[in-house]
Amino acid sequence: MKKEIHPEYYPEARVVCGCGNSFVTGATMPLIKTDICSACHPFFTGEQRIVDTAGQVERYMRRLEKREEMGKAVDSKAEAKKDA
């Protein structure tokens, strides 16, 4: 094994999650910060939660509402033609 090419190993590295949970593991960094861990991930907790980091869900909901409004407008025009 070559010397001086491997990163330093920290056997007591601390992992800190955004939910407040923390634990100790071995890693090449002394402190690791993460957004989701096993204590707050929906797969492990069994609850359905949307993790939205950039407002993507809100943008999707606005597009969906616009699409529904356009569909209603088209339906009302079709009914007006049918009645005439």
PDB file of N, CA and C in Angstrom:
ATOM      1  N   MET A   1       0.844  -1.168   0.000  1.00  0.00           N
ATOM      2  CA  MET A   1       0.000   0.000   0.000  1.00  0.00           C
ATOM      3  C   MET A   1       0.897   1.242   0.000  1.00  0.00           C
ATOM      4  N   LYS A   2       0.590   2.183  -0.873  1.00  0.00           N
ATOM      5  CA  LYS A   2       1.394   3.403  -0.963  1.00  0.00           C
ATOM      6  C   LYS A   2       1.127   4.306   0.234  1.00  0.00           C
ATOM      7  N   LYS A   3       2.162   4.991   0.658  1.00  0.00           N
ATOM      8  CA  LYS A   3       2.029   5.930   1.768  1.00  0.00           C
ATOM      9  C   LYS A   3       1.700   7.314   1.232  1.00  0.00           C
ATOM     10  N   GLU A   4       1.057   8.116   2.071  1.00  0.00           N
ATOM     11  CA  GLU A   4       0.770   9.521   1.776  1.00  0.00           C
ATOM     12  C   GLU A   4      -0.299   9.753   0.695  1.00  0.00           C
ATOM     13  N   ILE A   5      -1.055   8.715   0.269  1.00  0.00           N
ATOM     14  CA  ILE A   5      -2.093   8.948  -0.749  1.00  0.00           C
ATOM     15  C   ILE A   5      -3.506   8.785  -0.197  1.00  0.00           C
ATOM     16  N   HIS A   6      -3.635   8.213   0.971  1.00  0.00           N
ATOM     17  CA  HIS A   6      -4.955   7.952   1.537  1.00  0.00           C
ATOM     18  C   HIS A   6      -5.393   9.110   2.437  1.00  0.00           C
ATOM     19  N   PRO A   7      -6.693   9.447   2.433  1.00  0.00           N
ATOM     20  CA  PRO A   7      -7.169  10.522   3.315  1.00  0.00           C
ATOM     21  C   PRO A   7      -7.123  10.073   4.770  1.00  0.00           C
ATOM     22  N   GLU A   8      -7.121  11.036   5.654  1.00  0.00           N
ATOM     23  CA  GLU A   8      -7.114  10.728   7.079  1.00  0.00           C
ATOM     24  C   GLU A   8      -8.467  10.132   7.478  1.00  0.00           C
ATOM     25  N   TYR A   9      -8.427   9.092   8.295  1.00  0.00           N
ATOM     26  CA  TYR A   9      -9.646   8.407   8.734  1.00  0.00           C
ATOM     27  C   TYR A   9      -9.975   8.823  10.160  1.00  0.00           C
ATOM     28  N   TYR A  10     -11.224   9.232  10.383  1.00  0.00           N
ATOM     29  CA  TYR A  10     -11.696   9.636  11.707  1.00  0.00           C
ATOM     30  C   TYR A  10     -12.652   8.560  12.223  1.00  0.00           C
ATOM     31  N   PRO A  11     -12.229   7.729  13.170  1.00  0.00           N
ATOM     32  CA  PRO A  11     -13.106   6.665  13.670  1.00  0.00           C
ATOM     33  C   PRO A  11     -14.275   7.194  14.508  1.00  0.00           C
ATOM     34  N   GLU A  12     -14.189   8.420  14.982  1.00  0.00           N
ATOM     35  CA  GLU A  12     -15.242   9.025  15.799  1.00  0.00           C
ATOM     36  C   GLU A  12     -15.857  10.229  15.081  1.00  0.00           C
ATOM     37  N   ALA A  13     -16.156  10.098  13.804  1.00  0.00           N
ATOM     38  CA  ALA A  13     -16.751  11.200  13.043  1.00  0.00           C
ATOM     39  C   ALA A  13     -18.214  11.366  13.455  1.00  0.00           C
ATOM     40  N   ARG A  14     -18.660  12.608  13.613  1.00  0.00           N
ATOM     41  CA  ARG A  14     -20.031  12.897  14.028  1.00  0.00           C
ATOM     42  C   ARG A  14     -20.859  13.263  12.808  1.00  0.00           C
ATOM     43  N   VAL A  15     -22.045  12.657  12.690  1.00  0.00           N
ATOM     44  CA  VAL A  15     -23.005  12.964  11.638  1.00  0.00           C
ATOM     45  C   VAL A  15     -24.163  13.706  12.280  1.00  0.00           C
ATOM     46  N   VAL A  16     -24.486  14.909  11.767  1.00  0.00           N
ATOM     47  CA  VAL A  16     -25.552  15.734  12.324  1.00  0.00           C
ATOM     48  C   VAL A  16     -26.601  15.942  11.236  1.00  0.00           C
ATOM     49  N   CYS A  17     -27.850  15.629  11.560  1.00  0.00           N
ATOM     50  CA  CYS A  17     -28.962  15.770  10.616  1.00  0.00           C
ATOM     51  C   CYS A  17     -29.685  17.090  10.859  1.00  0.00           C
ATOM     52  N   GLY A  18     -30.423  17.539   9.863  1.00  0.00           N
ATOM     53  CA  GLY A  18     -31.219  18.754   9.981  1.00  0.00           C
ATOM     54  C   GLY A  18     -32.343  18.625  10.991  1.00  0.00           C
ATOM     55  N   CYS A  19     -32.791  17.401  11.283  1.00  0.00           N
ATOM     56  CA  CYS A  19     -33.867  17.199  12.249  1.00  0.00           C
ATOM     57  C   CYS A  19     -33.366  17.262  13.686  1.00  0.00           C
ATOM     58  N   GLY A  20     -32.041  17.305  13.882  1.00  0.00           N
ATOM     59  CA  GLY A  20     -31.483  17.369  15.223  1.00  0.00           C
ATOM     60  C   GLY A  20     -30.852  16.066  15.680  1.00  0.00           C
ATOM     61  N   ASN A  21     -31.083  14.996  14.956  1.00  0.00           N
ATOM     62  CA  ASN A  21     -30.506  13.704  15.296  1.00  0.00           C
ATOM     63  C   ASN A  21     -29.015  13.711  14.967  1.00  0.00           C
ATOM     64  N   SER A  22     -28.213  13.043  15.778  1.00  0.00           N
ATOM     65  CA  SER A  22     -26.784  12.920  15.488  1.00  0.00           C
ATOM     66  C   SER A  22     -26.313  11.546  15.948  1.00  0.00           C
ATOM     67  N   PHE A  23     -25.262  11.063  15.295  1.00  0.00           N
ATOM     68  CA  PHE A  23     -24.672   9.782  15.661  1.00  0.00           C
ATOM     69  C   PHE A  23     -23.207   9.783  15.261  1.00  0.00           C
ATOM     70  N   VAL A  24     -22.471   8.785  15.736  1.00  0.00           N
ATOM     71  CA  VAL A  24     -21.032   8.691  15.507  1.00  0.00           C
ATOM     72  C   VAL A  24     -20.771   7.508  14.581  1.00  0.00           C
ATOM     73  N   THR A  25     -19.873   7.710  13.624  1.00  0.00           N
ATOM     74  CA  THR A  25     -19.482   6.669  12.686  1.00  0.00           C
ATOM     75  C   THR A  25     -18.045   6.912  12.266  1.00  0.00           C
ATOM     76  N   GLY A  26     -17.493   6.048  11.469  1.00  0.00           N
ATOM     77  CA  GLY A  26     -16.156   6.246  10.927  1.00  0.00           C
ATOM     78  C   GLY A  26     -16.249   6.868   9.550  1.00  0.00           C
ATOM     79  N   ALA A  27     -15.408   7.883   9.279  1.00  0.00           N
ATOM     80  CA  ALA A  27     -15.454   8.568   7.989  1.00  0.00           C
ATOM     81  C   ALA A  27     -14.139   9.286   7.736  1.00  0.00           C
ATOM     82  N   THR A  28     -14.018   9.874   6.565  1.00  0.00           N
ATOM     83  CA  THR A  28     -12.825  10.632   6.219  1.00  0.00           C
ATOM     84  C   THR A  28     -12.981  12.115   6.525  1.00  0.00           C
ATOM     85  N   MET A  29     -14.122  12.511   7.101  1.00  0.00           N
ATOM     86  CA  MET A  29     -14.367  13.888   7.518  1.00  0.00           C
ATOM     87  C   MET A  29     -14.764  13.860   8.997  1.00  0.00           C
ATOM     88  N   PRO A  30     -14.310  14.825   9.797  1.00  0.00           N
ATOM     89  CA  PRO A  30     -14.645  14.781  11.237  1.00  0.00           C
ATOM     90  C   PRO A  30     -16.100  15.145  11.527  1.00  0.00           C
ATOM     91  N   LEU A  31     -16.742  15.957  10.670  1.00  0.00           N
ATOM     92  CA  LEU A  31     -18.131  16.360  10.872  1.00  0.00           C
ATOM     93  C   LEU A  31     -18.865  16.287   9.539  1.00  0.00           C
ATOM     94  N   ILE A  32     -19.990  15.590   9.529  1.00  0.00           N
ATOM     95  CA  ILE A  32     -20.812  15.449   8.326  1.00  0.00           C
ATOM     96  C   ILE A  32     -22.188  16.008   8.632  1.00  0.00           C
ATOM     97  N   LYS A  33     -22.658  16.955   7.823  1.00  0.00           N
ATOM     98  CA  LYS A  33     -23.999  17.529   7.996  1.00  0.00           C
ATOM     99  C   LYS A  33     -24.875  17.019   6.863  1.00  0.00           C
ATOM    100  N   THR A  34     -26.071  16.539   7.219  1.00  0.00           N
ATOM    101  CA  THR A  34     -26.986  15.982   6.231  1.00  0.00           C
ATOM    102  C   THR A  34     -28.391  16.521   6.456  1.00  0.00           C
ATOM    103  N   ASP A  35     -29.228  16.462   5.411  1.00  0.00           N
ATOM    104  CA  ASP A  35     -30.602  16.955   5.498  1.00  0.00           C
ATOM    105  C   ASP A  35     -31.564  15.893   6.014  1.00  0.00           C
ATOM    106  N   ILE A  36     -31.330  14.645   5.653  1.00  0.00           N
ATOM    107  CA  ILE A  36     -32.260  13.565   6.008  1.00  0.00           C
ATOM    108  C   ILE A  36     -31.465  12.387   6.562  1.00  0.00           C
ATOM    109  N   CYS A  37     -31.967  11.799   7.640  1.00  0.00           N
ATOM    110  CA  CYS A  37     -31.337  10.622   8.235  1.00  0.00           C
ATOM    111  C   CYS A  37     -32.400   9.543   8.435  1.00  0.00           C
ATOM    112  N   SER A  38     -32.015   8.440   9.033  1.00  0.00           N
ATOM    113  CA  SER A  38     -32.966   7.345   9.243  1.00  0.00           C
ATOM    114  C   SER A  38     -34.049   7.708  10.258  1.00  0.00           C
ATOM    115  N   ALA A  39     -33.816   8.705  11.093  1.00  0.00           N
ATOM    116  CA  ALA A  39     -34.811   9.111  12.090  1.00  0.00           C
ATOM    117  C   ALA A  39     -35.924   9.958  11.474  1.00  0.00           C
ATOM    118  N   CYS A  40     -35.657  10.609  10.333  1.00  0.00           N
ATOM    119  CA  CYS A  40     -36.670  11.489   9.751  1.00  0.00           C
ATOM    120  C   CYS A  40     -37.017  11.124   8.301  1.00  0.00           C
ATOM    121  N   HIS A  41     -36.385  10.108   7.724  1.00  0.00           N
ATOM    122  CA  HIS A  41     -36.687   9.714   6.345  1.00  0.00           C
ATOM    123  C   HIS A  41     -38.038   9.005   6.294  1.00  0.00           C
ATOM    124  N   PRO A  42     -38.898   9.365   5.319  1.00  0.00           N
ATOM    125  CA  PRO A  42     -40.243   8.768   5.238  1.00  0.00           C
ATOM    126  C   PRO A  42     -40.239   7.244   5.120  1.00  0.00           C
ATOM    127  N   PHE A  43     -39.238   6.651   4.501  1.00  0.00           N
ATOM    128  CA  PHE A  43     -39.181   5.197   4.370  1.00  0.00           C
ATOM    129  C   PHE A  43     -39.082   4.530   5.741  1.00  0.00           C
ATOM    130  N   PHE A  44     -38.295   5.099   6.637  1.00  0.00           N
ATOM    131  CA  PHE A  44     -38.092   4.508   7.956  1.00  0.00           C
ATOM    132  C   PHE A  44     -39.164   4.922   8.958  1.00  0.00           C
ATOM    133  N   THR A  45     -39.727   6.124   8.817  1.00  0.00           N
ATOM    134  CA  THR A  45     -40.729   6.592   9.777  1.00  0.00           C
ATOM    135  C   THR A  45     -42.136   6.133   9.411  1.00  0.00           C
ATOM    136  N   GLY A  46     -42.387   5.834   8.147  1.00  0.00           N
ATOM    137  CA  GLY A  46     -43.699   5.382   7.720  1.00  0.00           C
ATOM    138  C   GLY A  46     -44.667   6.515   7.443  1.00  0.00           C
ATOM    139  N   GLU A  47     -44.247   7.752   7.580  1.00  0.00           N
ATOM    140  CA  GLU A  47     -45.133   8.881   7.299  1.00  0.00           C
ATOM    141  C   GLU A  47     -44.789   9.466   5.939  1.00  0.00           C
ATOM    142  N   GLN A  48     -45.785   9.965   5.275  1.00  0.00           N
ATOM    143  CA  GLN A  48     -45.599  10.569   3.963  1.00  0.00           C
ATOM    144  C   GLN A  48     -45.354  12.055   4.141  1.00  0.00           C
ATOM    145  N   ARG A  49     -44.190  12.512   3.770  1.00  0.00           N
ATOM    146  CA  ARG A  49     -43.842  13.917   3.910  1.00  0.00           C
ATOM    147  C   ARG A  49     -43.091  14.342   2.656  1.00  0.00           C
ATOM    148  N   ILE A  50     -43.375  15.526   2.187  1.00  0.00           N
ATOM    149  CA  ILE A  50     -42.730  16.033   0.982  1.00  0.00           C
ATOM    150  C   ILE A  50     -41.544  16.888   1.401  1.00  0.00           C
ATOM    151  N   VAL A  51     -40.372  16.534   0.904  1.00  0.00           N
ATOM    152  CA  VAL A  51     -39.177  17.312   1.172  1.00  0.00           C
ATOM    153  C   VAL A  51     -38.979  18.236  -0.019  1.00  0.00           C
ATOM    154  N   ASP A  52     -39.222  19.520   0.188  1.00  0.00           N
ATOM    155  CA  ASP A  52     -39.174  20.494  -0.895  1.00  0.00           C
ATOM    156  C   ASP A  52     -38.050  21.482  -0.627  1.00  0.00           C
ATOM    157  N   THR A  53     -37.010  21.415  -1.435  1.00  0.00           N
ATOM    158  CA  THR A  53     -35.857  22.275  -1.184  1.00  0.00           C
ATOM    159  C   THR A  53     -35.853  23.531  -2.027  1.00  0.00           C
ATOM    160  N   ALA A  54     -36.577  23.534  -3.129  1.00  0.00           N
ATOM    161  CA  ALA A  54     -36.498  24.703  -4.022  1.00  0.00           C
ATOM    162  C   ALA A  54     -37.868  25.188  -4.468  1.00  0.00           C
ATOM    163  N   GLY A  55     -38.930  24.885  -3.728  1.00  0.00           N
ATOM    164  CA  GLY A  55     -40.262  25.345  -4.096  1.00  0.00           C
ATOM    165  C   GLY A  55     -40.846  24.607  -5.285  1.00  0.00           C
ATOM    166  N   GLN A  56     -40.326  23.431  -5.583  1.00  0.00           N
ATOM    167  CA  GLN A  56     -40.773  22.682  -6.754  1.00  0.00           C
ATOM    168  C   GLN A  56     -42.213  22.222  -6.611  1.00  0.00           C
ATOM    169  N   VAL A  57     -42.615  21.844  -5.414  1.00  0.00           N
ATOM    170  CA  VAL A  57     -43.978  21.358  -5.204  1.00  0.00           C
ATOM    171  C   VAL A  57     -44.976  22.495  -5.441  1.00  0.00           C
ATOM    172  N   GLU A  58     -44.662  23.684  -4.928  1.00  0.00           N
ATOM    173  CA  GLU A  58     -45.574  24.818  -5.122  1.00  0.00           C
ATOM    174  C   GLU A  58     -45.693  25.177  -6.599  1.00  0.00           C
ATOM    175  N   ARG A  59     -44.577  25.156  -7.323  1.00  0.00           N
ATOM    176  CA  ARG A  59     -44.630  25.444  -8.764  1.00  0.00           C
ATOM    177  C   ARG A  59     -45.486  24.417  -9.485  1.00  0.00           C
ATOM    178  N   TYR A  60     -45.351  23.141  -9.112  1.00  0.00           N
ATOM    179  CA  TYR A  60     -46.151  22.097  -9.735  1.00  0.00           C
ATOM    180  C   TYR A  60     -47.638  22.296  -9.443  1.00  0.00           C
ATOM    181  N   MET A  61     -47.966  22.636  -8.195  1.00  0.00           N
ATOM    182  CA  MET A  61     -49.376  22.839  -7.835  1.00  0.00           C
ATOM    183  C   MET A  61     -49.971  24.020  -8.605  1.00  0.00           C
ATOM    184  N   ARG A  62     -49.197  25.096  -8.801  1.00  0.00           N
ATOM    185  CA  ARG A  62     -49.692  26.232  -9.581  1.00  0.00           C
ATOM    186  C   ARG A  62     -49.948  25.830 -11.029  1.00  0.00           C
ATOM    187  N   ARG A  63     -49.030  25.043 -11.610  1.00  0.00           N
ATOM    188  CA  ARG A  63     -49.240  24.580 -12.992  1.00  0.00           C
ATOM    189  C   ARG A  63     -50.480  23.702 -13.084  1.00  0.00           C
ATOM    190  N   LEU A  64     -50.678  22.852 -12.097  1.00  0.00           N
ATOM    191  CA  LEU A  64     -51.837  21.974 -12.077  1.00  0.00           C
ATOM    192  C   LEU A  64     -53.129  22.782 -11.992  1.00  0.00           C
ATOM    193  N   GLU A  65     -53.140  23.823 -11.149  1.00  0.00           N
ATOM    194  CA  GLU A  65     -54.323  24.681 -11.037  1.00  0.00           C
ATOM    195  C   GLU A  65     -54.608  25.402 -12.355  1.00  0.00           C
ATOM    196  N   LYS A  66     -53.565  25.904 -13.021  1.00  0.00           N
ATOM    197  CA  LYS A  66     -53.748  26.572 -14.311  1.00  0.00           C
ATOM    198  C   LYS A  66     -54.326  25.610 -15.337  1.00  0.00           C
ATOM    199  N   ARG A  67     -53.824  24.380 -15.335  1.00  0.00           N
ATOM    200  CA  ARG A  67     -54.299  23.379 -16.289  1.00  0.00           C
ATOM    201  C   ARG A  67     -55.780  23.081 -16.052  1.00  0.00           C
ATOM    202  N   GLU A  68     -56.178  22.988 -14.768  1.00  0.00           N
ATOM    203  CA  GLU A  68     -57.590  22.723 -14.452  1.00  0.00           C
ATOM    204  C   GLU A  68     -58.470  23.903 -14.870  1.00  0.00           C
ATOM    205  N   GLU A  69     -57.982  25.137 -14.644  1.00  0.00           N
ATOM    206  CA  GLU A  69     -58.748  26.319 -15.045  1.00  0.00           C
ATOM    207  C   GLU A  69     -58.927  26.361 -16.554  1.00  0.00           C
ATOM    208  N   MET A  70     -57.878  26.026 -17.290  1.00  0.00           N
ATOM    209  CA  MET A  70     -57.967  26.032 -18.748  1.00  0.00           C
ATOM    210  C   MET A  70     -58.941  24.955 -19.222  1.00  0.00           C
ATOM    211  N   GLY A  71     -58.951  23.820 -18.555  1.00  0.00           N
ATOM    212  CA  GLY A  71     -59.873  22.750 -18.915  1.00  0.00           C
ATOM    213  C   GLY A  71     -61.315  23.162 -18.679  1.00  0.00           C
ATOM    214  N   LYS A  72     -61.581  23.892 -17.609  1.00  0.00           N
ATOM    215  CA  LYS A  72     -62.939  24.372 -17.334  1.00  0.00           C
ATOM    216  C   LYS A  72     -63.368  25.390 -18.378  1.00  0.00           C
ATOM    217  N   ALA A  73     -62.440  26.254 -18.798  1.00  0.00           N
ATOM    218  CA  ALA A  73     -62.765  27.261 -19.814  1.00  0.00           C
ATOM    219  C   ALA A  73     -63.104  26.589 -21.140  1.00  0.00           C
ATOM    220  N   VAL A  74     -62.363  25.562 -21.495  1.00  0.00           N
ATOM    221  CA  VAL A  74     -62.628  24.844 -22.744  1.00  0.00           C
ATOM    222  C   VAL A  74     -63.976  24.135 -22.658  1.00  0.00           C
ATOM    223  N   ASP A  75     -64.296  23.538 -21.517  1.00  0.00           N
ATOM    224  CA  ASP A  75     -65.579  22.847 -21.343  1.00  0.00           C
ATOM    225  C   ASP A  75     -66.753  23.820 -21.454  1.00  0.00           C
ATOM    226  N   SER A  76     -66.623  25.009 -20.871  1.00  0.00           N
ATOM    227  CA  SER A  76     -67.723  25.975 -20.933  1.00  0.00           C
ATOM    228  C   SER A  76     -67.927  26.475 -22.360  1.00  0.00           C
ATOM    229  N   LYS A  77     -66.868  26.631 -23.142  1.00  0.00           N
ATOM    230  CA  LYS A  77     -66.999  27.036 -24.550  1.00  0.00           C
ATOM    231  C   LYS A  77     -67.680  25.942 -25.358  1.00  0.00           C
ATOM    232  N   ALA A  78     -67.352  24.686 -25.069  1.00  0.00           N
ATOM    233  CA  ALA A  78     -67.975  23.575 -25.775  1.00  0.00           C
ATOM    234  C   ALA A  78     -69.470  23.501 -25.474  1.00  0.00           C
ATOM    235  N   GLU A  79     -69.835  23.749 -24.217  1.00  0.00           N
ATOM    236  CA  GLU A  79     -71.253  23.740 -23.858  1.00  0.00           C
ATOM    237  C   GLU A  79     -71.989  24.890 -24.529  1.00  0.00           C
ATOM    238  N   ALA A  80     -71.360  26.057 -24.646  1.00  0.00           N
ATOM    239  CA  ALA A  80     -71.992  27.214 -25.297  1.00  0.00           C
ATOM    240  C   ALA A  80     -72.255  26.905 -26.766  1.00  0.00           C
ATOM    241  N   LYS A  81     -71.353  26.234 -27.442  1.00  0.00           N
ATOM    242  CA  LYS A  81     -71.536  25.867 -28.847  1.00  0.00           C
ATOM    243  C   LYS A  81     -72.654  24.833 -28.969  1.00  0.00           C
ATOM    244  N   LYS A  82     -72.708  23.901 -28.005  1.00  0.00           N
ATOM    245  CA  LYS A  82     -73.706  22.850 -28.036  1.00  0.00           C
ATOM    246  C   LYS A  82     -75.118  23.435 -27.856  1.00  0.00           C
ATOM    247  N   ASP A  83     -75.271  24.437 -26.971  1.00  0.00           N
ATOM    248  CA  ASP A  83     -76.548  25.052 -26.688  1.00  0.00           C
ATOM    249  C   ASP A  83     -77.037  25.921 -27.861  1.00  0.00           C
ATOM    250  N   ALA A  84     -76.128  26.455 -28.644  1.00  0.00           N
ATOM    251  CA  ALA A  84     -76.497  27.373 -29.715  1.00  0.00           C
ATOM    252  C   ALA A  84     -77.023  26.722 -30.934  1.00  0.00           C
TER     253      ALA A  84
END
